[in-house]
Amino acid sequence: MIILPIELKKYFWDCDFAELDFSKHKNYILNRLLYFGDIYAIKFITNYISQDVIKTYLKQKGKLSLNISNLKFWEKLVAHDDLWEN
């Protein structure tokens, strides 16, 4: 189970952060972190979310939900196996 640290709360200004559940709201959470995330969010993603989950998200929703800069950044990042601990 992935628990979101309080440091990520700033990305979820429009909802009740305490009610976010990664398994239920995975695409919403990923979109916010991939789109707006800082270095802390990137480290959280690479430590707790598998490379395959991010690849799948990018293929299925990336072009519709991210801008081109974010999409290209994450496509390049997931290509580097050594950045992922999972």
PDB file of N, CA and C in Angstrom:
ATOM      1  N   MET A   1       0.835  -1.183   0.000  1.00  0.00           N
ATOM      2  CA  MET A   1       0.000   0.000   0.000  1.00  0.00           C
ATOM      3  C   MET A   1       0.880   1.246   0.000  1.00  0.00           C
ATOM      4  N   ILE A   2       0.601   2.157  -0.902  1.00  0.00           N
ATOM      5  CA  ILE A   2       1.366   3.397  -1.005  1.00  0.00           C
ATOM      6  C   ILE A   2       0.657   4.482  -0.207  1.00  0.00           C
ATOM      7  N   ILE A   3       1.384   5.060   0.747  1.00  0.00           N
ATOM      8  CA  ILE A   3       0.857   6.161   1.549  1.00  0.00           C
ATOM      9  C   ILE A   3       1.528   7.436   1.083  1.00  0.00           C
ATOM     10  N   LEU A   4       0.726   8.428   0.764  1.00  0.00           N
ATOM     11  CA  LEU A   4       1.271   9.699   0.282  1.00  0.00           C
ATOM     12  C   LEU A   4       1.802  10.529   1.444  1.00  0.00           C
ATOM     13  N   PRO A   5       3.064  10.949   1.379  1.00  0.00           N
ATOM     14  CA  PRO A   5       3.610  11.790   2.445  1.00  0.00           C
ATOM     15  C   PRO A   5       3.020  13.204   2.396  1.00  0.00           C
ATOM     16  N   ILE A   6       2.983  13.843   3.529  1.00  0.00           N
ATOM     17  CA  ILE A   6       2.411  15.186   3.652  1.00  0.00           C
ATOM     18  C   ILE A   6       3.098  16.191   2.725  1.00  0.00           C
ATOM     19  N   GLU A   7       4.335  15.936   2.363  1.00  0.00           N
ATOM     20  CA  GLU A   7       5.071  16.844   1.471  1.00  0.00           C
ATOM     21  C   GLU A   7       4.434  16.942   0.085  1.00  0.00           C
ATOM     22  N   LEU A   8       3.598  15.975  -0.255  1.00  0.00           N
ATOM     23  CA  LEU A   8       2.931  15.991  -1.562  1.00  0.00           C
ATOM     24  C   LEU A   8       1.560  16.664  -1.518  1.00  0.00           C
ATOM     25  N   LYS A   9       1.124  17.066  -0.356  1.00  0.00           N
ATOM     26  CA  LYS A   9      -0.205  17.657  -0.195  1.00  0.00           C
ATOM     27  C   LYS A   9      -0.416  18.880  -1.085  1.00  0.00           C
ATOM     28  N   LYS A  10       0.624  19.659  -1.320  1.00  0.00           N
ATOM     29  CA  LYS A  10       0.506  20.889  -2.113  1.00  0.00           C
ATOM     30  C   LYS A  10       0.019  20.637  -3.545  1.00  0.00           C
ATOM     31  N   TYR A  11       0.136  19.423  -4.027  1.00  0.00           N
ATOM     32  CA  TYR A  11      -0.309  19.102  -5.390  1.00  0.00           C
ATOM     33  C   TYR A  11      -1.796  18.741  -5.472  1.00  0.00           C
ATOM     34  N   PHE A  12      -2.427  18.659  -4.318  1.00  0.00           N
ATOM     35  CA  PHE A  12      -3.824  18.237  -4.262  1.00  0.00           C
ATOM     36  C   PHE A  12      -4.664  19.291  -3.547  1.00  0.00           C
ATOM     37  N   TRP A  13      -4.537  20.503  -4.035  1.00  0.00           N
ATOM     38  CA  TRP A  13      -5.204  21.665  -3.447  1.00  0.00           C
ATOM     39  C   TRP A  13      -6.724  21.626  -3.575  1.00  0.00           C
ATOM     40  N   ASP A  14      -7.232  20.839  -4.482  1.00  0.00           N
ATOM     41  CA  ASP A  14      -8.664  20.853  -4.775  1.00  0.00           C
ATOM     42  C   ASP A  14      -9.425  19.658  -4.200  1.00  0.00           C
ATOM     43  N   CYS A  15      -8.793  18.923  -3.297  1.00  0.00           N
ATOM     44  CA  CYS A  15      -9.465  17.765  -2.715  1.00  0.00           C
ATOM     45  C   CYS A  15      -9.016  17.575  -1.273  1.00  0.00           C
ATOM     46  N   ASP A  16      -9.664  16.656  -0.587  1.00  0.00           N
ATOM     47  CA  ASP A  16      -9.300  16.322   0.782  1.00  0.00           C
ATOM     48  C   ASP A  16      -8.132  15.335   0.725  1.00  0.00           C
ATOM     49  N   PHE A  17      -6.948  15.825   1.028  1.00  0.00           N
ATOM     50  CA  PHE A  17      -5.733  15.022   0.938  1.00  0.00           C
ATOM     51  C   PHE A  17      -5.828  13.741   1.782  1.00  0.00           C
ATOM     52  N   ALA A  18      -6.429  13.848   2.944  1.00  0.00           N
ATOM     53  CA  ALA A  18      -6.544  12.696   3.844  1.00  0.00           C
ATOM     54  C   ALA A  18      -7.388  11.573   3.240  1.00  0.00           C
ATOM     55  N   GLU A  19      -8.246  11.913   2.306  1.00  0.00           N
ATOM     56  CA  GLU A  19      -9.122  10.920   1.682  1.00  0.00           C
ATOM     57  C   GLU A  19      -8.510  10.253   0.449  1.00  0.00           C
ATOM     58  N   LEU A  20      -7.363  10.745  -0.012  1.00  0.00           N
ATOM     59  CA  LEU A  20      -6.732  10.157  -1.201  1.00  0.00           C
ATOM     60  C   LEU A  20      -6.208   8.763  -0.884  1.00  0.00           C
ATOM     61  N   ASP A  21      -6.522   7.851  -1.745  1.00  0.00           N
ATOM     62  CA  ASP A  21      -6.095   6.466  -1.618  1.00  0.00           C
ATOM     63  C   ASP A  21      -5.450   6.098  -2.955  1.00  0.00           C
ATOM     64  N   PHE A  22      -4.182   5.735  -2.910  1.00  0.00           N
ATOM     65  CA  PHE A  22      -3.472   5.486  -4.164  1.00  0.00           C
ATOM     66  C   PHE A  22      -4.133   4.408  -5.002  1.00  0.00           C
ATOM     67  N   SER A  23      -4.602   3.360  -4.380  1.00  0.00           N
ATOM     68  CA  SER A  23      -5.212   2.277  -5.164  1.00  0.00           C
ATOM     69  C   SER A  23      -6.516   2.711  -5.824  1.00  0.00           C
ATOM     70  N   LYS A  24      -7.261   3.600  -5.194  1.00  0.00           N
ATOM     71  CA  LYS A  24      -8.528   4.066  -5.756  1.00  0.00           C
ATOM     72  C   LYS A  24      -8.357   5.246  -6.714  1.00  0.00           C
ATOM     73  N   HIS A  25      -7.364   6.077  -6.449  1.00  0.00           N
ATOM     74  CA  HIS A  25      -7.205   7.339  -7.198  1.00  0.00           C
ATOM     75  C   HIS A  25      -5.867   7.401  -7.937  1.00  0.00           C
ATOM     76  N   LYS A  26      -5.378   6.246  -8.341  1.00  0.00           N
ATOM     77  CA  LYS A  26      -4.037   6.146  -8.925  1.00  0.00           C
ATOM     78  C   LYS A  26      -3.809   7.108 -10.094  1.00  0.00           C
ATOM     79  N   ASN A  27      -4.693   7.136 -11.066  1.00  0.00           N
ATOM     80  CA  ASN A  27      -4.471   7.982 -12.239  1.00  0.00           C
ATOM     81  C   ASN A  27      -4.495   9.468 -11.886  1.00  0.00           C
ATOM     82  N   TYR A  28      -5.384   9.857 -11.000  1.00  0.00           N
ATOM     83  CA  TYR A  28      -5.450  11.253 -10.552  1.00  0.00           C
ATOM     84  C   TYR A  28      -4.157  11.647  -9.843  1.00  0.00           C
ATOM     85  N   ILE A  29      -3.695  10.808  -8.934  1.00  0.00           N
ATOM     86  CA  ILE A  29      -2.469  11.087  -8.191  1.00  0.00           C
ATOM     87  C   ILE A  29      -1.266  11.122  -9.126  1.00  0.00           C
ATOM     88  N   LEU A  30      -1.151  10.133  -9.997  1.00  0.00           N
ATOM     89  CA  LEU A  30      -0.029  10.104 -10.941  1.00  0.00           C
ATOM     90  C   LEU A  30      -0.014  11.338 -11.830  1.00  0.00           C
ATOM     91  N   ASN A  31      -1.189  11.715 -12.321  1.00  0.00           N
ATOM     92  CA  ASN A  31      -1.238  12.886 -13.188  1.00  0.00           C
ATOM     93  C   ASN A  31      -0.703  14.119 -12.477  1.00  0.00           C
ATOM     94  N   ARG A  32      -1.140  14.345 -11.263  1.00  0.00           N
ATOM     95  CA  ARG A  32      -0.681  15.520 -10.519  1.00  0.00           C
ATOM     96  C   ARG A  32       0.820  15.484 -10.270  1.00  0.00           C
ATOM     97  N   LEU A  33       1.322  14.341  -9.866  1.00  0.00           N
ATOM     98  CA  LEU A  33       2.751  14.244  -9.561  1.00  0.00           C
ATOM     99  C   LEU A  33       3.609  14.328 -10.821  1.00  0.00           C
ATOM    100  N   LEU A  34       3.177  13.695 -11.888  1.00  0.00           N
ATOM    101  CA  LEU A  34       3.948  13.757 -13.133  1.00  0.00           C
ATOM    102  C   LEU A  34       3.915  15.147 -13.740  1.00  0.00           C
ATOM    103  N   TYR A  35       2.813  15.843 -13.593  1.00  0.00           N
ATOM    104  CA  TYR A  35       2.650  17.160 -14.210  1.00  0.00           C
ATOM    105  C   TYR A  35       3.275  18.271 -13.385  1.00  0.00           C
ATOM    106  N   PHE A  36       3.030  18.271 -12.077  1.00  0.00           N
ATOM    107  CA  PHE A  36       3.452  19.388 -11.239  1.00  0.00           C
ATOM    108  C   PHE A  36       4.633  19.086 -10.316  1.00  0.00           C
ATOM    109  N   GLY A  37       5.010  17.836 -10.206  1.00  0.00           N
ATOM    110  CA  GLY A  37       5.963  17.413  -9.184  1.00  0.00           C
ATOM    111  C   GLY A  37       7.332  18.066  -9.236  1.00  0.00           C
ATOM    112  N   ASP A  38       7.882  18.284  -8.047  1.00  0.00           N
ATOM    113  CA  ASP A  38       9.234  18.792  -7.892  1.00  0.00           C
ATOM    114  C   ASP A  38      10.181  17.606  -7.684  1.00  0.00           C
ATOM    115  N   ILE A  39      11.399  17.878  -7.267  1.00  0.00           N
ATOM    116  CA  ILE A  39      12.379  16.805  -7.105  1.00  0.00           C
ATOM    117  C   ILE A  39      11.929  15.804  -6.032  1.00  0.00           C
ATOM    118  N   TYR A  40      11.267  16.273  -4.988  1.00  0.00           N
ATOM    119  CA  TYR A  40      10.763  15.366  -3.959  1.00  0.00           C
ATOM    120  C   TYR A  40       9.732  14.412  -4.563  1.00  0.00           C
ATOM    121  N   ALA A  41       8.837  14.930  -5.377  1.00  0.00           N
ATOM    122  CA  ALA A  41       7.819  14.094  -6.021  1.00  0.00           C
ATOM    123  C   ALA A  41       8.465  13.078  -6.963  1.00  0.00           C
ATOM    124  N   ILE A  42       9.487  13.496  -7.676  1.00  0.00           N
ATOM    125  CA  ILE A  42      10.191  12.580  -8.580  1.00  0.00           C
ATOM    126  C   ILE A  42      10.837  11.448  -7.776  1.00  0.00           C
ATOM    127  N   LYS A  43      11.468  11.785  -6.666  1.00  0.00           N
ATOM    128  CA  LYS A  43      12.080  10.751  -5.823  1.00  0.00           C
ATOM    129  C   LYS A  43      11.020   9.812  -5.252  1.00  0.00           C
ATOM    130  N   PHE A  44       9.892  10.365  -4.841  1.00  0.00           N
ATOM    131  CA  PHE A  44       8.801   9.530  -4.338  1.00  0.00           C
ATOM    132  C   PHE A  44       8.346   8.554  -5.420  1.00  0.00           C
ATOM    133  N   ILE A  45       8.143   9.065  -6.618  1.00  0.00           N
ATOM    134  CA  ILE A  45       7.686   8.228  -7.727  1.00  0.00           C
ATOM    135  C   ILE A  45       8.688   7.115  -8.023  1.00  0.00           C
ATOM    136  N   THR A  46       9.961   7.463  -8.135  1.00  0.00           N
ATOM    137  CA  THR A  46      10.961   6.452  -8.490  1.00  0.00           C
ATOM    138  C   THR A  46      11.197   5.451  -7.367  1.00  0.00           C
ATOM    139  N   ASN A  47      10.872   5.822  -6.130  1.00  0.00           N
ATOM    140  CA  ASN A  47      11.053   4.898  -5.001  1.00  0.00           C
ATOM    141  C   ASN A  47       9.843   4.011  -4.739  1.00  0.00           C
ATOM    142  N   TYR A  48       8.642   4.502  -5.028  1.00  0.00           N
ATOM    143  CA  TYR A  48       7.442   3.798  -4.600  1.00  0.00           C
ATOM    144  C   TYR A  48       6.497   3.349  -5.713  1.00  0.00           C
ATOM    145  N   ILE A  49       6.701   3.837  -6.901  1.00  0.00           N
ATOM    146  CA  ILE A  49       5.819   3.464  -8.005  1.00  0.00           C
ATOM    147  C   ILE A  49       6.675   2.797  -9.073  1.00  0.00           C
ATOM    148  N   SER A  50       6.257   1.637  -9.498  1.00  0.00           N
ATOM    149  CA  SER A  50       7.101   0.877 -10.415  1.00  0.00           C
ATOM    150  C   SER A  50       7.232   1.566 -11.778  1.00  0.00           C
ATOM    151  N   GLN A  51       8.328   1.287 -12.385  1.00  0.00           N
ATOM    152  CA  GLN A  51       8.619   1.796 -13.723  1.00  0.00           C
ATOM    153  C   GLN A  51       7.530   1.359 -14.704  1.00  0.00           C
ATOM    154  N   ASP A  52       7.071   0.130 -14.568  1.00  0.00           N
ATOM    155  CA  ASP A  52       6.026  -0.382 -15.463  1.00  0.00           C
ATOM    156  C   ASP A  52       4.697   0.361 -15.295  1.00  0.00           C
ATOM    157  N   VAL A  53       4.362   0.723 -14.069  1.00  0.00           N
ATOM    158  CA  VAL A  53       3.130   1.485 -13.828  1.00  0.00           C
ATOM    159  C   VAL A  53       3.207   2.837 -14.535  1.00  0.00           C
ATOM    160  N   ILE A  54       4.344   3.489 -14.435  1.00  0.00           N
ATOM    161  CA  ILE A  54       4.510   4.797 -15.080  1.00  0.00           C
ATOM    162  C   ILE A  54       4.495   4.639 -16.599  1.00  0.00           C
ATOM    163  N   LYS A  55       5.173   3.635 -17.116  1.00  0.00           N
ATOM    164  CA  LYS A  55       5.171   3.395 -18.562  1.00  0.00           C
ATOM    165  C   LYS A  55       3.747   3.177 -19.078  1.00  0.00           C
ATOM    166  N   THR A  56       2.994   2.367 -18.364  1.00  0.00           N
ATOM    167  CA  THR A  56       1.611   2.097 -18.761  1.00  0.00           C
ATOM    168  C   THR A  56       0.782   3.371 -18.730  1.00  0.00           C
ATOM    169  N   TYR A  57       0.921   4.154 -17.678  1.00  0.00           N
ATOM    170  CA  TYR A  57       0.186   5.416 -17.573  1.00  0.00           C
ATOM    171  C   TYR A  57       0.536   6.335 -18.750  1.00  0.00           C
ATOM    172  N   LEU A  58       1.819   6.451 -19.052  1.00  0.00           N
ATOM    173  CA  LEU A  58       2.246   7.330 -20.148  1.00  0.00           C
ATOM    174  C   LEU A  58       1.662   6.870 -21.486  1.00  0.00           C
ATOM    175  N   LYS A  59       1.644   5.564 -21.716  1.00  0.00           N
ATOM    176  CA  LYS A  59       1.097   5.038 -22.972  1.00  0.00           C
ATOM    177  C   LYS A  59      -0.404   5.258 -23.075  1.00  0.00           C
ATOM    178  N   GLN A  60      -1.104   5.053 -21.973  1.00  0.00           N
ATOM    179  CA  GLN A  60      -2.564   5.121 -21.998  1.00  0.00           C
ATOM    180  C   GLN A  60      -3.106   6.540 -21.865  1.00  0.00           C
ATOM    181  N   LYS A  61      -2.462   7.364 -21.044  1.00  0.00           N
ATOM    182  CA  LYS A  61      -3.037   8.668 -20.737  1.00  0.00           C
ATOM    183  C   LYS A  61      -2.092   9.842 -20.925  1.00  0.00           C
ATOM    184  N   GLY A  62      -0.824   9.569 -21.130  1.00  0.00           N
ATOM    185  CA  GLY A  62       0.181  10.628 -21.180  1.00  0.00           C
ATOM    186  C   GLY A  62      -0.092  11.739 -22.179  1.00  0.00           C
ATOM    187  N   LYS A  63      -0.425  11.379 -23.409  1.00  0.00           N
ATOM    188  CA  LYS A  63      -0.647  12.388 -24.444  1.00  0.00           C
ATOM    189  C   LYS A  63      -1.866  13.260 -24.168  1.00  0.00           C
ATOM    190  N   LEU A  64      -2.827  12.716 -23.443  1.00  0.00           N
ATOM    191  CA  LEU A  64      -4.059  13.462 -23.150  1.00  0.00           C
ATOM    192  C   LEU A  64      -3.965  14.279 -21.869  1.00  0.00           C
ATOM    193  N   SER A  65      -3.129  13.854 -20.934  1.00  0.00           N
ATOM    194  CA  SER A  65      -3.142  14.500 -19.629  1.00  0.00           C
ATOM    195  C   SER A  65      -1.887  15.298 -19.284  1.00  0.00           C
ATOM    196  N   LEU A  66      -0.812  15.133 -20.029  1.00  0.00           N
ATOM    197  CA  LEU A  66       0.426  15.867 -19.756  1.00  0.00           C
ATOM    198  C   LEU A  66       0.757  16.783 -20.924  1.00  0.00           C
ATOM    199  N   ASN A  67       1.472  17.863 -20.619  1.00  0.00           N
ATOM    200  CA  ASN A  67       1.940  18.680 -21.735  1.00  0.00           C
ATOM    201  C   ASN A  67       3.148  17.991 -22.367  1.00  0.00           C
ATOM    202  N   ILE A  68       3.550  18.430 -23.505  1.00  0.00           N
ATOM    203  CA  ILE A  68       4.604  17.747 -24.262  1.00  0.00           C
ATOM    204  C   ILE A  68       5.925  17.703 -23.499  1.00  0.00           C
ATOM    205  N   SER A  69       6.241  18.763 -22.750  1.00  0.00           N
ATOM    206  CA  SER A  69       7.488  18.785 -21.976  1.00  0.00           C
ATOM    207  C   SER A  69       7.479  17.725 -20.884  1.00  0.00           C
ATOM    208  N   ASN A  70       6.374  17.648 -20.134  1.00  0.00           N
ATOM    209  CA  ASN A  70       6.263  16.637 -19.085  1.00  0.00           C
ATOM    210  C   ASN A  70       6.295  15.229 -19.676  1.00  0.00           C
ATOM    211  N   LEU A  71       5.574  15.032 -20.743  1.00  0.00           N
ATOM    212  CA  LEU A  71       5.522  13.723 -21.379  1.00  0.00           C
ATOM    213  C   LEU A  71       6.910  13.277 -21.824  1.00  0.00           C
ATOM    214  N   LYS A  72       7.636  14.137 -22.504  1.00  0.00           N
ATOM    215  CA  LYS A  72       8.981  13.786 -22.979  1.00  0.00           C
ATOM    216  C   LYS A  72       9.940  13.534 -21.823  1.00  0.00           C
ATOM    217  N   PHE A  73       9.842  14.357 -20.770  1.00  0.00           N
ATOM    218  CA  PHE A  73      10.686  14.170 -19.590  1.00  0.00           C
ATOM    219  C   PHE A  73      10.476  12.782 -18.992  1.00  0.00           C
ATOM    220  N   TRP A  74       9.215  12.414 -18.753  1.00  0.00           N
ATOM    221  CA  TRP A  74       8.917  11.131 -18.130  1.00  0.00           C
ATOM    222  C   TRP A  74       9.212   9.956 -19.053  1.00  0.00           C
ATOM    223  N   GLU A  75       9.022  10.138 -20.349  1.00  0.00           N
ATOM    224  CA  GLU A  75       9.383   9.066 -21.280  1.00  0.00           C
ATOM    225  C   GLU A  75      10.882   8.788 -21.221  1.00  0.00           C
ATOM    226  N   LYS A  76      11.674   9.824 -21.106  1.00  0.00           N
ATOM    227  CA  LYS A  76      13.130   9.644 -21.001  1.00  0.00           C
ATOM    228  C   LYS A  76      13.511   9.054 -19.640  1.00  0.00           C
ATOM    229  N   LEU A  77      12.839   9.501 -18.588  1.00  0.00           N
ATOM    230  CA  LEU A  77      13.160   9.016 -17.251  1.00  0.00           C
ATOM    231  C   LEU A  77      12.853   7.529 -17.093  1.00  0.00           C
ATOM    232  N   VAL A  78      11.733   7.072 -17.599  1.00  0.00           N
ATOM    233  CA  VAL A  78      11.398   5.644 -17.439  1.00  0.00           C
ATOM    234  C   VAL A  78      12.286   4.739 -18.288  1.00  0.00           C
ATOM    235  N   ALA A  79      13.018   5.311 -19.209  1.00  0.00           N
ATOM    236  CA  ALA A  79      13.933   4.517 -20.028  1.00  0.00           C
ATOM    237  C   ALA A  79      15.209   4.152 -19.277  1.00  0.00           C
ATOM    238  N   HIS A  80      15.442   4.767 -18.120  1.00  0.00           N
ATOM    239  CA  HIS A  80      16.658   4.527 -17.338  1.00  0.00           C
ATOM    240  C   HIS A  80      16.355   3.591 -16.174  1.00  0.00           C
ATOM    241  N   ASP A  81      16.633   2.318 -16.379  1.00  0.00           N
ATOM    242  CA  ASP A  81      16.328   1.300 -15.378  1.00  0.00           C
ATOM    243  C   ASP A  81      17.020   1.552 -14.037  1.00  0.00           C
ATOM    244  N   ASP A  82      18.189   2.143 -14.056  1.00  0.00           N
ATOM    245  CA  ASP A  82      18.953   2.332 -12.819  1.00  0.00           C
ATOM    246  C   ASP A  82      18.341   3.370 -11.871  1.00  0.00           C
ATOM    247  N   LEU A  83      17.349   4.138 -12.301  1.00  0.00           N
ATOM    248  CA  LEU A  83      16.703   5.130 -11.438  1.00  0.00           C
ATOM    249  C   LEU A  83      15.585   4.537 -10.599  1.00  0.00           C
ATOM    250  N   TRP A  84      15.171   3.331 -10.908  1.00  0.00           N
ATOM    251  CA  TRP A  84      14.006   2.728 -10.257  1.00  0.00           C
ATOM    252  C   TRP A  84      14.431   1.669  -9.266  1.00  0.00           C
ATOM    253  N   GLU A  85      13.953   1.785  -8.057  1.00  0.00           N
ATOM    254  CA  GLU A  85      14.304   0.830  -6.996  1.00  0.00           C
ATOM    255  C   GLU A  85      13.365  -0.357  -6.967  1.00  0.00           C
ATOM    256  N   ASN A  86      12.185  -0.235  -7.567  1.00  0.00           N
ATOM    257  CA  ASN A  86      11.199  -1.337  -7.528  1.00  0.00           C
ATOM    258  C   ASN A  86      11.605  -2.461  -8.436  1.00  0.00           C
TER     259      ASN A  86
END
